[in-house]
Each structure stands twice: as C-alpha cells, then as structure tokens.
Amino acid sequence: MDIKKIVTEMDSIVAQGAIVDAVKQFFAEEAKTSDYNNVTTQNKTQMVEKMKGFASSIKTVNGITLHHTIVDGNVSASEFTFDFEMTDNSFVYWHEIIRRVWNEDGKVIHEEYFNA
C-alpha cells in the first residue's frame, strides 16, 4: 500500500471541496477525529454527519488551497487554507494542518486538525 499515493488522492478530493466524499471514501469505520475546538467524532458515521452539516452551511467556496503534504510511515500531515462564505453571511478562513494516521488497509483511523 502506497500511503503517499492515497494521501495525494484524498487531498485532491478535499481541495475540490468534496469533503464529505473524502470522508466516505477514505475513513475506516472506527476512525476518530479531534480538532482545535475540542470537537470529536468517534466513528466514520459521526464524521460524515459532521461534514454534511458543515458543508450545508457553506454558501460559497472562495478557495481551498493545498500548500504541502508530508508522509512518514503511516502518518501524514497536509497543510490547507480554506476560505468560505457561510449561509449566515459570515466568513470562515482557516489555515490548518490535518494530521492523519492510516491503517494497513489505507484508511484513516485518526484525523486531527491544528490551527496553523
């Protein structure tokens, strides 16, 4: 299994704005997530629901930029900038690092977000 190839594919899908699709395709059922706001999910189903809710609150995608990705063994880190206008007319601008741990089947088992 080539983690670097899988990470590149997942990051490409995220960069296109298909965040829910990326979770559906690349997360293991038992995947856990956590972010810098102390929000966690305990499995893939919870993360899909979280991302569906977030995606439905986006009015306009002003830009998603993938800056860098590194892979070391079964751990990857991807640096993104997300720029959204939300349905409540607020703006979200995140520069974040997404750290992922991958299982032997090429699925994410842990994803953590860091405010860059």
PDB file of N, CA and C in Angstrom:
ATOM      1  N   MET A   1       0.844  -1.174   0.000  1.00  0.00           N
ATOM      2  CA  MET A   1       0.000   0.000   0.000  1.00  0.00           C
ATOM      3  C   MET A   1       0.892   1.240   0.000  1.00  0.00           C
ATOM      4  N   ASP A   2       0.592   2.169  -0.886  1.00  0.00           N
ATOM      5  CA  ASP A   2       1.360   3.403  -1.030  1.00  0.00           C
ATOM      6  C   ASP A   2       0.593   4.547  -0.367  1.00  0.00           C
ATOM      7  N   ILE A   3       0.930   4.821   0.904  1.00  0.00           N
ATOM      8  CA  ILE A   3       0.223   5.865   1.664  1.00  0.00           C
ATOM      9  C   ILE A   3       0.328   7.209   0.953  1.00  0.00           C
ATOM     10  N   LYS A   4       1.499   7.522   0.429  1.00  0.00           N
ATOM     11  CA  LYS A   4       1.682   8.820  -0.232  1.00  0.00           C
ATOM     12  C   LYS A   4       0.693   8.979  -1.394  1.00  0.00           C
ATOM     13  N   LYS A   5       0.500   7.941  -2.168  1.00  0.00           N
ATOM     14  CA  LYS A   5      -0.448   7.983  -3.292  1.00  0.00           C
ATOM     15  C   LYS A   5      -1.883   8.170  -2.781  1.00  0.00           C
ATOM     16  N   ILE A   6      -2.239   7.452  -1.731  1.00  0.00           N
ATOM     17  CA  ILE A   6      -3.588   7.552  -1.167  1.00  0.00           C
ATOM     18  C   ILE A   6      -3.824   8.949  -0.585  1.00  0.00           C
ATOM     19  N   VAL A   7      -2.825   9.488   0.132  1.00  0.00           N
ATOM     20  CA  VAL A   7      -2.946  10.833   0.701  1.00  0.00           C
ATOM     21  C   VAL A   7      -3.119  11.860  -0.409  1.00  0.00           C
ATOM     22  N   THR A   8      -2.349  11.718  -1.476  1.00  0.00           N
ATOM     23  CA  THR A   8      -2.454  12.642  -2.614  1.00  0.00           C
ATOM     24  C   THR A   8      -3.852  12.614  -3.205  1.00  0.00           C
ATOM     25  N   GLU A   9      -4.417  11.426  -3.324  1.00  0.00           N
ATOM     26  CA  GLU A   9      -5.775  11.287  -3.862  1.00  0.00           C
ATOM     27  C   GLU A   9      -6.798  11.929  -2.923  1.00  0.00           C
ATOM     28  N   MET A  10      -6.683  11.660  -1.624  1.00  0.00           N
ATOM     29  CA  MET A  10      -7.628  12.236  -0.672  1.00  0.00           C
ATOM     30  C   MET A  10      -7.511  13.764  -0.645  1.00  0.00           C
ATOM     31  N   ASP A  11      -6.283  14.277  -0.592  1.00  0.00           N
ATOM     32  CA  ASP A  11      -6.086  15.724  -0.565  1.00  0.00           C
ATOM     33  C   ASP A  11      -6.641  16.392  -1.818  1.00  0.00           C
ATOM     34  N   SER A  12      -6.536  15.726  -2.943  1.00  0.00           N
ATOM     35  CA  SER A  12      -7.085  16.269  -4.193  1.00  0.00           C
ATOM     36  C   SER A  12      -8.601  16.397  -4.110  1.00  0.00           C
ATOM     37  N   ILE A  13      -9.251  15.415  -3.532  1.00  0.00           N
ATOM     38  CA  ILE A  13     -10.710  15.452  -3.372  1.00  0.00           C
ATOM     39  C   ILE A  13     -11.110  16.565  -2.407  1.00  0.00           C
ATOM     40  N   VAL A  14     -10.382  16.700  -1.301  1.00  0.00           N
ATOM     41  CA  VAL A  14     -10.646  17.775  -0.337  1.00  0.00           C
ATOM     42  C   VAL A  14     -10.462  19.126  -1.011  1.00  0.00           C
ATOM     43  N   ALA A  15      -9.386  19.285  -1.782  1.00  0.00           N
ATOM     44  CA  ALA A  15      -9.095  20.558  -2.446  1.00  0.00           C
ATOM     45  C   ALA A  15     -10.173  20.952  -3.452  1.00  0.00           C
ATOM     46  N   GLN A  16     -10.916  19.974  -3.946  1.00  0.00           N
ATOM     47  CA  GLN A  16     -12.032  20.247  -4.862  1.00  0.00           C
ATOM     48  C   GLN A  16     -13.306  20.614  -4.103  1.00  0.00           C
ATOM     49  N   GLY A  17     -13.260  20.532  -2.768  1.00  0.00           N
ATOM     50  CA  GLY A  17     -14.419  20.881  -1.952  1.00  0.00           C
ATOM     51  C   GLY A  17     -15.330  19.714  -1.625  1.00  0.00           C
ATOM     52  N   ALA A  18     -14.968  18.520  -2.046  1.00  0.00           N
ATOM     53  CA  ALA A  18     -15.804  17.339  -1.818  1.00  0.00           C
ATOM     54  C   ALA A  18     -15.409  16.671  -0.500  1.00  0.00           C
ATOM     55  N   ILE A  19     -15.546  17.412   0.581  1.00  0.00           N
ATOM     56  CA  ILE A  19     -15.070  16.963   1.886  1.00  0.00           C
ATOM     57  C   ILE A  19     -15.851  15.733   2.373  1.00  0.00           C
ATOM     58  N   VAL A  20     -17.147  15.732   2.186  1.00  0.00           N
ATOM     59  CA  VAL A  20     -17.969  14.584   2.607  1.00  0.00           C
ATOM     60  C   VAL A  20     -17.551  13.342   1.826  1.00  0.00           C
ATOM     61  N   ASP A  21     -17.344  13.489   0.535  1.00  0.00           N
ATOM     62  CA  ASP A  21     -16.925  12.353  -0.298  1.00  0.00           C
ATOM     63  C   ASP A  21     -15.580  11.802   0.159  1.00  0.00           C
ATOM     64  N   ALA A  22     -14.659  12.695   0.531  1.00  0.00           N
ATOM     65  CA  ALA A  22     -13.345  12.254   1.002  1.00  0.00           C
ATOM     66  C   ALA A  22     -13.479  11.401   2.258  1.00  0.00           C
ATOM     67  N   VAL A  23     -14.323  11.827   3.185  1.00  0.00           N
ATOM     68  CA  VAL A  23     -14.538  11.051   4.410  1.00  0.00           C
ATOM     69  C   VAL A  23     -15.154   9.695   4.071  1.00  0.00           C
ATOM     70  N   LYS A  24     -16.168   9.691   3.237  1.00  0.00           N
ATOM     71  CA  LYS A  24     -16.830   8.433   2.867  1.00  0.00           C
ATOM     72  C   LYS A  24     -15.851   7.452   2.226  1.00  0.00           C
ATOM     73  N   GLN A  25     -14.971   7.953   1.391  1.00  0.00           N
ATOM     74  CA  GLN A  25     -14.068   7.087   0.641  1.00  0.00           C
ATOM     75  C   GLN A  25     -12.848   6.632   1.446  1.00  0.00           C
ATOM     76  N   PHE A  26     -12.316   7.485   2.303  1.00  0.00           N
ATOM     77  CA  PHE A  26     -11.012   7.204   2.892  1.00  0.00           C
ATOM     78  C   PHE A  26     -11.011   6.894   4.385  1.00  0.00           C
ATOM     79  N   PHE A  27     -12.124   7.037   5.069  1.00  0.00           N
ATOM     80  CA  PHE A  27     -12.145   6.775   6.508  1.00  0.00           C
ATOM     81  C   PHE A  27     -12.509   5.332   6.809  1.00  0.00           C
ATOM     82  N   ALA A  28     -11.824   4.752   7.785  1.00  0.00           N
ATOM     83  CA  ALA A  28     -12.211   3.451   8.321  1.00  0.00           C
ATOM     84  C   ALA A  28     -13.458   3.642   9.180  1.00  0.00           C
ATOM     85  N   GLU A  29     -14.235   2.598   9.354  1.00  0.00           N
ATOM     86  CA  GLU A  29     -15.464   2.693  10.144  1.00  0.00           C
ATOM     87  C   GLU A  29     -15.187   3.168  11.567  1.00  0.00           C
ATOM     88  N   GLU A  30     -14.052   2.764  12.135  1.00  0.00           N
ATOM     89  CA  GLU A  30     -13.736   3.094  13.530  1.00  0.00           C
ATOM     90  C   GLU A  30     -12.917   4.376  13.676  1.00  0.00           C
ATOM     91  N   ALA A  31     -12.810   5.166  12.620  1.00  0.00           N
ATOM     92  CA  ALA A  31     -11.991   6.382  12.639  1.00  0.00           C
ATOM     93  C   ALA A  31     -12.477   7.380  13.688  1.00  0.00           C
ATOM     94  N   LYS A  32     -11.526   7.990  14.364  1.00  0.00           N
ATOM     95  CA  LYS A  32     -11.815   9.033  15.360  1.00  0.00           C
ATOM     96  C   LYS A  32     -11.199  10.339  14.866  1.00  0.00           C
ATOM     97  N   THR A  33     -11.829  11.457  15.228  1.00  0.00           N
ATOM     98  CA  THR A  33     -11.294  12.767  14.864  1.00  0.00           C
ATOM     99  C   THR A  33     -11.324  13.699  16.073  1.00  0.00           C
ATOM    100  N   SER A  34     -10.465  14.708  16.003  1.00  0.00           N
ATOM    101  CA  SER A  34     -10.487  15.769  17.014  1.00  0.00           C
ATOM    102  C   SER A  34      -9.960  17.038  16.375  1.00  0.00           C
ATOM    103  N   ASP A  35     -10.437  18.173  16.886  1.00  0.00           N
ATOM    104  CA  ASP A  35      -9.969  19.434  16.329  1.00  0.00           C
ATOM    105  C   ASP A  35      -9.577  20.400  17.431  1.00  0.00           C
ATOM    106  N   TYR A  36      -9.085  21.552  17.032  1.00  0.00           N
ATOM    107  CA  TYR A  36      -8.583  22.537  17.984  1.00  0.00           C
ATOM    108  C   TYR A  36      -9.689  23.229  18.764  1.00  0.00           C
ATOM    109  N   ASN A  37     -10.949  22.956  18.461  1.00  0.00           N
ATOM    110  CA  ASN A  37     -12.082  23.457  19.249  1.00  0.00           C
ATOM    111  C   ASN A  37     -12.631  22.383  20.181  1.00  0.00           C
ATOM    112  N   ASN A  38     -11.874  21.295  20.347  1.00  0.00           N
ATOM    113  CA  ASN A  38     -12.251  20.174  21.212  1.00  0.00           C
ATOM    114  C   ASN A  38     -13.511  19.455  20.758  1.00  0.00           C
ATOM    115  N   VAL A  39     -13.788  19.483  19.469  1.00  0.00           N
ATOM    116  CA  VAL A  39     -14.896  18.721  18.901  1.00  0.00           C
ATOM    117  C   VAL A  39     -14.333  17.388  18.423  1.00  0.00           C
ATOM    118  N   THR A  40     -14.976  16.301  18.826  1.00  0.00           N
ATOM    119  CA  THR A  40     -14.502  14.971  18.450  1.00  0.00           C
ATOM    120  C   THR A  40     -15.603  14.171  17.780  1.00  0.00           C
ATOM    121  N   THR A  41     -15.189  13.196  16.990  1.00  0.00           N
ATOM    122  CA  THR A  41     -16.113  12.174  16.489  1.00  0.00           C
ATOM    123  C   THR A  41     -15.496  10.829  16.840  1.00  0.00           C
ATOM    124  N   GLN A  42     -16.351   9.829  17.000  1.00  0.00           N
ATOM    125  CA  GLN A  42     -15.902   8.514  17.450  1.00  0.00           C
ATOM    126  C   GLN A  42     -15.933   7.445  16.374  1.00  0.00           C
ATOM    127  N   ASN A  43     -16.481   7.792  15.185  1.00  0.00           N
ATOM    128  CA  ASN A  43     -16.528   6.813  14.097  1.00  0.00           C
ATOM    129  C   ASN A  43     -16.825   7.529  12.773  1.00  0.00           C
ATOM    130  N   LYS A  44     -16.752   6.785  11.697  1.00  0.00           N
ATOM    131  CA  LYS A  44     -16.955   7.337  10.360  1.00  0.00           C
ATOM    132  C   LYS A  44     -18.349   7.949  10.209  1.00  0.00           C
ATOM    133  N   THR A  45     -19.364   7.294  10.721  1.00  0.00           N
ATOM    134  CA  THR A  45     -20.739   7.788  10.594  1.00  0.00           C
ATOM    135  C   THR A  45     -20.873   9.167  11.224  1.00  0.00           C
ATOM    136  N   GLN A  46     -20.316   9.350  12.411  1.00  0.00           N
ATOM    137  CA  GLN A  46     -20.372  10.664  13.062  1.00  0.00           C
ATOM    138  C   GLN A  46     -19.630  11.719  12.244  1.00  0.00           C
ATOM    139  N   MET A  47     -18.484  11.350  11.675  1.00  0.00           N
ATOM    140  CA  MET A  47     -17.716  12.316  10.894  1.00  0.00           C
ATOM    141  C   MET A  47     -18.442  12.689   9.609  1.00  0.00           C
ATOM    142  N   VAL A  48     -19.071  11.728   8.958  1.00  0.00           N
ATOM    143  CA  VAL A  48     -19.854  12.025   7.747  1.00  0.00           C
ATOM    144  C   VAL A  48     -20.964  13.009   8.096  1.00  0.00           C
ATOM    145  N   GLU A  49     -21.673  12.768   9.192  1.00  0.00           N
ATOM    146  CA  GLU A  49     -22.753  13.674   9.599  1.00  0.00           C
ATOM    147  C   GLU A  49     -22.213  15.069   9.936  1.00  0.00           C
ATOM    148  N   LYS A  50     -21.086  15.121  10.628  1.00  0.00           N
ATOM    149  CA  LYS A  50     -20.465  16.411  10.957  1.00  0.00           C
ATOM    150  C   LYS A  50     -20.125  17.170   9.678  1.00  0.00           C
ATOM    151  N   MET A  51     -19.511  16.490   8.717  1.00  0.00           N
ATOM    152  CA  MET A  51     -19.098  17.145   7.476  1.00  0.00           C
ATOM    153  C   MET A  51     -20.297  17.524   6.597  1.00  0.00           C
ATOM    154  N   LYS A  52     -21.354  16.712   6.620  1.00  0.00           N
ATOM    155  CA  LYS A  52     -22.578  17.073   5.889  1.00  0.00           C
ATOM    156  C   LYS A  52     -23.155  18.363   6.454  1.00  0.00           C
ATOM    157  N   GLY A  53     -23.213  18.454   7.783  1.00  0.00           N
ATOM    158  CA  GLY A  53     -23.737  19.659   8.427  1.00  0.00           C
ATOM    159  C   GLY A  53     -22.893  20.873   8.088  1.00  0.00           C
ATOM    160  N   PHE A  54     -21.577  20.711   8.140  1.00  0.00           N
ATOM    161  CA  PHE A  54     -20.684  21.822   7.822  1.00  0.00           C
ATOM    162  C   PHE A  54     -20.827  22.215   6.354  1.00  0.00           C
ATOM    163  N   ALA A  55     -20.818  21.242   5.457  1.00  0.00           N
ATOM    164  CA  ALA A  55     -20.914  21.534   4.020  1.00  0.00           C
ATOM    165  C   ALA A  55     -22.224  22.231   3.678  1.00  0.00           C
ATOM    166  N   SER A  56     -23.298  21.874   4.365  1.00  0.00           N
ATOM    167  CA  SER A  56     -24.591  22.501   4.074  1.00  0.00           C
ATOM    168  C   SER A  56     -24.646  23.948   4.541  1.00  0.00           C
ATOM    169  N   SER A  57     -23.700  24.335   5.411  1.00  0.00           N
ATOM    170  CA  SER A  57     -23.680  25.714   5.887  1.00  0.00           C
ATOM    171  C   SER A  57     -22.754  26.616   5.046  1.00  0.00           C
ATOM    172  N   ILE A  58     -22.145  26.039   4.014  1.00  0.00           N
ATOM    173  CA  ILE A  58     -21.279  26.820   3.128  1.00  0.00           C
ATOM    174  C   ILE A  58     -22.113  27.397   1.988  1.00  0.00           C
ATOM    175  N   LYS A  59     -22.075  28.708   1.863  1.00  0.00           N
ATOM    176  CA  LYS A  59     -22.772  29.390   0.773  1.00  0.00           C
ATOM    177  C   LYS A  59     -21.888  29.450  -0.476  1.00  0.00           C
ATOM    178  N   THR A  60     -20.626  29.847  -0.282  1.00  0.00           N
ATOM    179  CA  THR A  60     -19.696  29.991  -1.398  1.00  0.00           C
ATOM    180  C   THR A  60     -18.313  29.504  -0.977  1.00  0.00           C
ATOM    181  N   VAL A  61     -17.705  28.716  -1.828  1.00  0.00           N
ATOM    182  CA  VAL A  61     -16.304  28.337  -1.617  1.00  0.00           C
ATOM    183  C   VAL A  61     -15.460  29.358  -2.361  1.00  0.00           C
ATOM    184  N   ASN A  62     -14.784  30.213  -1.605  1.00  0.00           N
ATOM    185  CA  ASN A  62     -13.912  31.215  -2.218  1.00  0.00           C
ATOM    186  C   ASN A  62     -12.572  30.616  -2.608  1.00  0.00           C
ATOM    187  N   GLY A  63     -12.183  29.561  -1.931  1.00  0.00           N
ATOM    188  CA  GLY A  63     -10.938  28.897  -2.286  1.00  0.00           C
ATOM    189  C   GLY A  63     -10.550  27.837  -1.282  1.00  0.00           C
ATOM    190  N   ILE A  64      -9.931  26.785  -1.781  1.00  0.00           N
ATOM    191  CA  ILE A  64      -9.317  25.745  -0.957  1.00  0.00           C
ATOM    192  C   ILE A  64      -7.938  25.519  -1.572  1.00  0.00           C
ATOM    193  N   THR A  65      -6.914  25.756  -0.775  1.00  0.00           N
ATOM    194  CA  THR A  65      -5.551  25.627  -1.271  1.00  0.00           C
ATOM    195  C   THR A  65      -4.805  24.582  -0.459  1.00  0.00           C
ATOM    196  N   LEU A  66      -4.248  23.599  -1.146  1.00  0.00           N
ATOM    197  CA  LEU A  66      -3.356  22.628  -0.527  1.00  0.00           C
ATOM    198  C   LEU A  66      -1.940  23.175  -0.682  1.00  0.00           C
ATOM    199  N   HIS A  67      -1.260  23.436   0.431  1.00  0.00           N
ATOM    200  CA  HIS A  67       0.080  24.004   0.385  1.00  0.00           C
ATOM    201  C   HIS A  67       1.158  22.928   0.353  1.00  0.00           C
ATOM    202  N   HIS A  68       1.104  21.992   1.286  1.00  0.00           N
ATOM    203  CA  HIS A  68       2.131  20.956   1.410  1.00  0.00           C
ATOM    204  C   HIS A  68       1.533  19.708   2.024  1.00  0.00           C
ATOM    205  N   THR A  69       2.137  18.585   1.719  1.00  0.00           N
ATOM    206  CA  THR A  69       1.792  17.332   2.375  1.00  0.00           C
ATOM    207  C   THR A  69       3.087  16.580   2.655  1.00  0.00           C
ATOM    208  N   ILE A  70       3.163  16.001   3.845  1.00  0.00           N
ATOM    209  CA  ILE A  70       4.290  15.131   4.162  1.00  0.00           C
ATOM    210  C   ILE A  70       3.743  13.794   4.637  1.00  0.00           C
ATOM    211  N   VAL A  71       4.506  12.752   4.370  1.00  0.00           N
ATOM    212  CA  VAL A  71       4.133  11.404   4.796  1.00  0.00           C
ATOM    213  C   VAL A  71       5.355  10.781   5.455  1.00  0.00           C
ATOM    214  N   ASP A  72       5.127  10.198   6.628  1.00  0.00           N
ATOM    215  CA  ASP A  72       6.181   9.479   7.341  1.00  0.00           C
ATOM    216  C   ASP A  72       5.573   8.185   7.863  1.00  0.00           C
ATOM    217  N   GLY A  73       5.892   7.095   7.222  1.00  0.00           N
ATOM    218  CA  GLY A  73       5.312   5.811   7.603  1.00  0.00           C
ATOM    219  C   GLY A  73       3.813   5.825   7.353  1.00  0.00           C
ATOM    220  N   ASN A  74       3.030   5.595   8.424  1.00  0.00           N
ATOM    221  CA  ASN A  74       1.572   5.572   8.277  1.00  0.00           C
ATOM    222  C   ASN A  74       0.923   6.865   8.783  1.00  0.00           C
ATOM    223  N   VAL A  75       1.714   7.948   8.867  1.00  0.00           N
ATOM    224  CA  VAL A  75       1.215   9.243   9.324  1.00  0.00           C
ATOM    225  C   VAL A  75       1.439  10.275   8.229  1.00  0.00           C
ATOM    226  N   SER A  76       0.401  11.090   7.992  1.00  0.00           N
ATOM    227  CA  SER A  76       0.532  12.172   7.013  1.00  0.00           C
ATOM    228  C   SER A  76       0.104  13.480   7.662  1.00  0.00           C
ATOM    229  N   ALA A  77       0.600  14.573   7.097  1.00  0.00           N
ATOM    230  CA  ALA A  77       0.187  15.904   7.526  1.00  0.00           C
ATOM    231  C   ALA A  77       0.018  16.753   6.276  1.00  0.00           C
ATOM    232  N   SER A  78      -1.149  17.363   6.139  1.00  0.00           N
ATOM    233  CA  SER A  78      -1.462  18.182   4.967  1.00  0.00           C
ATOM    234  C   SER A  78      -1.829  19.584   5.436  1.00  0.00           C
ATOM    235  N   GLU A  79      -1.215  20.574   4.806  1.00  0.00           N
ATOM    236  CA  GLU A  79      -1.468  21.976   5.150  1.00  0.00           C
ATOM    237  C   GLU A  79      -2.411  22.574   4.113  1.00  0.00           C
ATOM    238  N   PHE A  80      -3.547  23.073   4.586  1.00  0.00           N
ATOM    239  CA  PHE A  80      -4.572  23.656   3.727  1.00  0.00           C
ATOM    240  C   PHE A  80      -4.931  25.062   4.189  1.00  0.00           C
ATOM    241  N   THR A  81      -5.434  25.870   3.265  1.00  0.00           N
ATOM    242  CA  THR A  81      -6.157  27.090   3.590  1.00  0.00           C
ATOM    243  C   THR A  81      -7.561  26.932   3.025  1.00  0.00           C
ATOM    244  N   PHE A  82      -8.565  27.143   3.872  1.00  0.00           N
ATOM    245  CA  PHE A  82      -9.966  27.068   3.479  1.00  0.00           C
ATOM    246  C   PHE A  82     -10.568  28.463   3.604  1.00  0.00           C
ATOM    247  N   ASP A  83     -11.269  28.907   2.561  1.00  0.00           N
ATOM    248  CA  ASP A  83     -11.875  30.239   2.542  1.00  0.00           C
ATOM    249  C   ASP A  83     -13.325  30.090   2.086  1.00  0.00           C
ATOM    250  N   PHE A  84     -14.265  30.261   3.018  1.00  0.00           N
ATOM    251  CA  PHE A  84     -15.679  30.052   2.739  1.00  0.00           C
ATOM    252  C   PHE A  84     -16.511  31.257   3.140  1.00  0.00           C
ATOM    253  N   GLU A  85     -17.583  31.511   2.380  1.00  0.00           N
ATOM    254  CA  GLU A  85     -18.651  32.383   2.846  1.00  0.00           C
ATOM    255  C   GLU A  85     -19.773  31.449   3.275  1.00  0.00           C
ATOM    256  N   MET A  86     -20.296  31.676   4.476  1.00  0.00           N
ATOM    257  CA  MET A  86     -21.280  30.776   5.041  1.00  0.00           C
ATOM    258  C   MET A  86     -22.702  31.269   4.759  1.00  0.00           C
ATOM    259  N   THR A  87     -23.677  30.390   4.941  1.00  0.00           N
ATOM    260  CA  THR A  87     -25.071  30.737   4.669  1.00  0.00           C
ATOM    261  C   THR A  87     -25.589  31.834   5.594  1.00  0.00           C
ATOM    262  N   ASP A  88     -24.938  32.036   6.751  1.00  0.00           N
ATOM    263  CA  ASP A  88     -25.340  33.123   7.651  1.00  0.00           C
ATOM    264  C   ASP A  88     -24.606  34.427   7.314  1.00  0.00           C
ATOM    265  N   ASN A  89     -23.938  34.451   6.150  1.00  0.00           N
ATOM    266  CA  ASN A  89     -23.172  35.599   5.633  1.00  0.00           C
ATOM    267  C   ASN A  89     -21.888  35.890   6.407  1.00  0.00           C
ATOM    268  N   SER A  90     -21.485  34.970   7.292  1.00  0.00           N
ATOM    269  CA  SER A  90     -20.176  35.104   7.935  1.00  0.00           C
ATOM    270  C   SER A  90     -19.123  34.500   7.001  1.00  0.00           C
ATOM    271  N   PHE A  91     -17.873  34.715   7.358  1.00  0.00           N
ATOM    272  CA  PHE A  91     -16.773  34.187   6.556  1.00  0.00           C
ATOM    273  C   PHE A  91     -15.905  33.288   7.426  1.00  0.00           C
ATOM    274  N   VAL A  92     -15.453  32.199   6.850  1.00  0.00           N
ATOM    275  CA  VAL A  92     -14.548  31.276   7.519  1.00  0.00           C
ATOM    276  C   VAL A  92     -13.259  31.267   6.716  1.00  0.00           C
ATOM    277  N   TYR A  93     -12.155  31.538   7.383  1.00  0.00           N
ATOM    278  CA  TYR A  93     -10.845  31.465   6.758  1.00  0.00           C
ATOM    279  C   TYR A  93      -9.949  30.669   7.699  1.00  0.00           C
ATOM    280  N   TRP A  94      -9.648  29.432   7.307  1.00  0.00           N
ATOM    281  CA  TRP A  94      -8.842  28.550   8.142  1.00  0.00           C
ATOM    282  C   TRP A  94      -7.552  28.232   7.435  1.00  0.00           C
ATOM    283  N   HIS A  95      -6.472  28.343   8.157  1.00  0.00           N
ATOM    284  CA  HIS A  95      -5.190  27.831   7.708  1.00  0.00           C
ATOM    285  C   HIS A  95      -4.880  26.724   8.698  1.00  0.00           C
ATOM    286  N   GLU A  96      -4.939  25.473   8.237  1.00  0.00           N
ATOM    287  CA  GLU A  96      -4.818  24.384   9.190  1.00  0.00           C
ATOM    288  C   GLU A  96      -3.955  23.244   8.667  1.00  0.00           C
ATOM    289  N   ILE A  97      -3.471  22.487   9.627  1.00  0.00           N
ATOM    290  CA  ILE A  97      -2.735  21.255   9.353  1.00  0.00           C
ATOM    291  C   ILE A  97      -3.676  20.106   9.708  1.00  0.00           C
ATOM    292  N   ILE A  98      -3.815  19.174   8.793  1.00  0.00           N
ATOM    293  CA  ILE A  98      -4.630  17.987   9.039  1.00  0.00           C
ATOM    294  C   ILE A  98      -3.669  16.805   9.163  1.00  0.00           C
ATOM    295  N   ARG A  99      -3.609  16.240  10.366  1.00  0.00           N
ATOM    296  CA  ARG A  99      -2.745  15.086  10.624  1.00  0.00           C
ATOM    297  C   ARG A  99      -3.606  13.835  10.588  1.00  0.00           C
ATOM    298  N   ARG A 100      -3.152  12.851   9.819  1.00  0.00           N
ATOM    299  CA  ARG A 100      -3.912  11.603   9.694  1.00  0.00           C
ATOM    300  C   ARG A 100      -3.028  10.408  10.014  1.00  0.00           C
ATOM    301  N   VAL A 101      -3.614   9.437  10.682  1.00  0.00           N
ATOM    302  CA  VAL A 101      -2.972   8.145  10.898  1.00  0.00           C
ATOM    303  C   VAL A 101      -3.758   7.145  10.055  1.00  0.00           C
ATOM    304  N   TRP A 102      -3.032   6.332   9.307  1.00  0.00           N
ATOM    305  CA  TRP A 102      -3.620   5.397   8.345  1.00  0.00           C
ATOM    306  C   TRP A 102      -3.426   3.961   8.816  1.00  0.00           C
ATOM    307  N   ASN A 103      -4.431   3.102   8.558  1.00  0.00           N
ATOM    308  CA  ASN A 103      -4.277   1.686   8.888  1.00  0.00           C
ATOM    309  C   ASN A 103      -3.645   0.935   7.712  1.00  0.00           C
ATOM    310  N   GLU A 104      -3.422  -0.336   7.900  1.00  0.00           N
ATOM    311  CA  GLU A 104      -2.761  -1.152   6.866  1.00  0.00           C
ATOM    312  C   GLU A 104      -3.614  -1.335   5.613  1.00  0.00           C
ATOM    313  N   ASP A 105      -4.913  -1.008   5.690  1.00  0.00           N
ATOM    314  CA  ASP A 105      -5.795  -1.089   4.521  1.00  0.00           C
ATOM    315  C   ASP A 105      -5.869   0.227   3.757  1.00  0.00           C
ATOM    316  N   GLY A 106      -5.103   1.230   4.187  1.00  0.00           N
ATOM    317  CA  GLY A 106      -5.109   2.521   3.509  1.00  0.00           C
ATOM    318  C   GLY A 106      -6.309   3.387   3.865  1.00  0.00           C
ATOM    319  N   LYS A 107      -6.821   3.228   5.078  1.00  0.00           N
ATOM    320  CA  LYS A 107      -7.953   4.025   5.560  1.00  0.00           C
ATOM    321  C   LYS A 107      -7.515   4.852   6.762  1.00  0.00           C
ATOM    322  N   VAL A 108      -8.105   6.022   6.902  1.00  0.00           N
ATOM    323  CA  VAL A 108      -7.814   6.896   8.037  1.00  0.00           C
ATOM    324  C   VAL A 108      -8.429   6.301   9.297  1.00  0.00           C
ATOM    325  N   ILE A 109      -7.606   6.174  10.353  1.00  0.00           N
ATOM    326  CA  ILE A 109      -8.131   5.703  11.638  1.00  0.00           C
ATOM    327  C   ILE A 109      -8.132   6.826  12.675  1.00  0.00           C
ATOM    328  N   HIS A 110      -7.371   7.888  12.409  1.00  0.00           N
ATOM    329  CA  HIS A 110      -7.415   9.064  13.277  1.00  0.00           C
ATOM    330  C   HIS A 110      -7.066  10.286  12.452  1.00  0.00           C
ATOM    331  N   GLU A 111      -7.861  11.338  12.626  1.00  0.00           N
ATOM    332  CA  GLU A 111      -7.597  12.599  11.941  1.00  0.00           C
ATOM    333  C   GLU A 111      -7.707  13.698  12.982  1.00  0.00           C
ATOM    334  N   GLU A 112      -6.703  14.593  12.976  1.00  0.00           N
ATOM    335  CA  GLU A 112      -6.678  15.690  13.942  1.00  0.00           C
ATOM    336  C   GLU A 112      -6.353  16.972  13.194  1.00  0.00           C
ATOM    337  N   TYR A 113      -7.028  18.051  13.600  1.00  0.00           N
ATOM    338  CA  TYR A 113      -6.876  19.351  12.939  1.00  0.00           C
ATOM    339  C   TYR A 113      -6.149  20.307  13.862  1.00  0.00           C
ATOM    340  N   PHE A 114      -5.168  21.008  13.296  1.00  0.00           N
ATOM    341  CA  PHE A 114      -4.395  22.005  14.039  1.00  0.00           C
ATOM    342  C   PHE A 114      -4.523  23.337  13.333  1.00  0.00           C
ATOM    343  N   ASN A 115      -4.800  24.382  14.090  1.00  0.00           N
ATOM    344  CA  ASN A 115      -4.886  25.724  13.558  1.00  0.00           C
ATOM    345  C   ASN A 115      -3.460  26.203  13.286  1.00  0.00           C
ATOM    346  N   ALA A 116      -3.167  26.463  12.017  1.00  0.00           N
ATOM    347  CA  ALA A 116      -1.776  26.772  11.635  1.00  0.00           C
ATOM    348  C   ALA A 116      -1.441  28.232  11.824  1.00  0.00           C
TER     349      ALA A 116
END
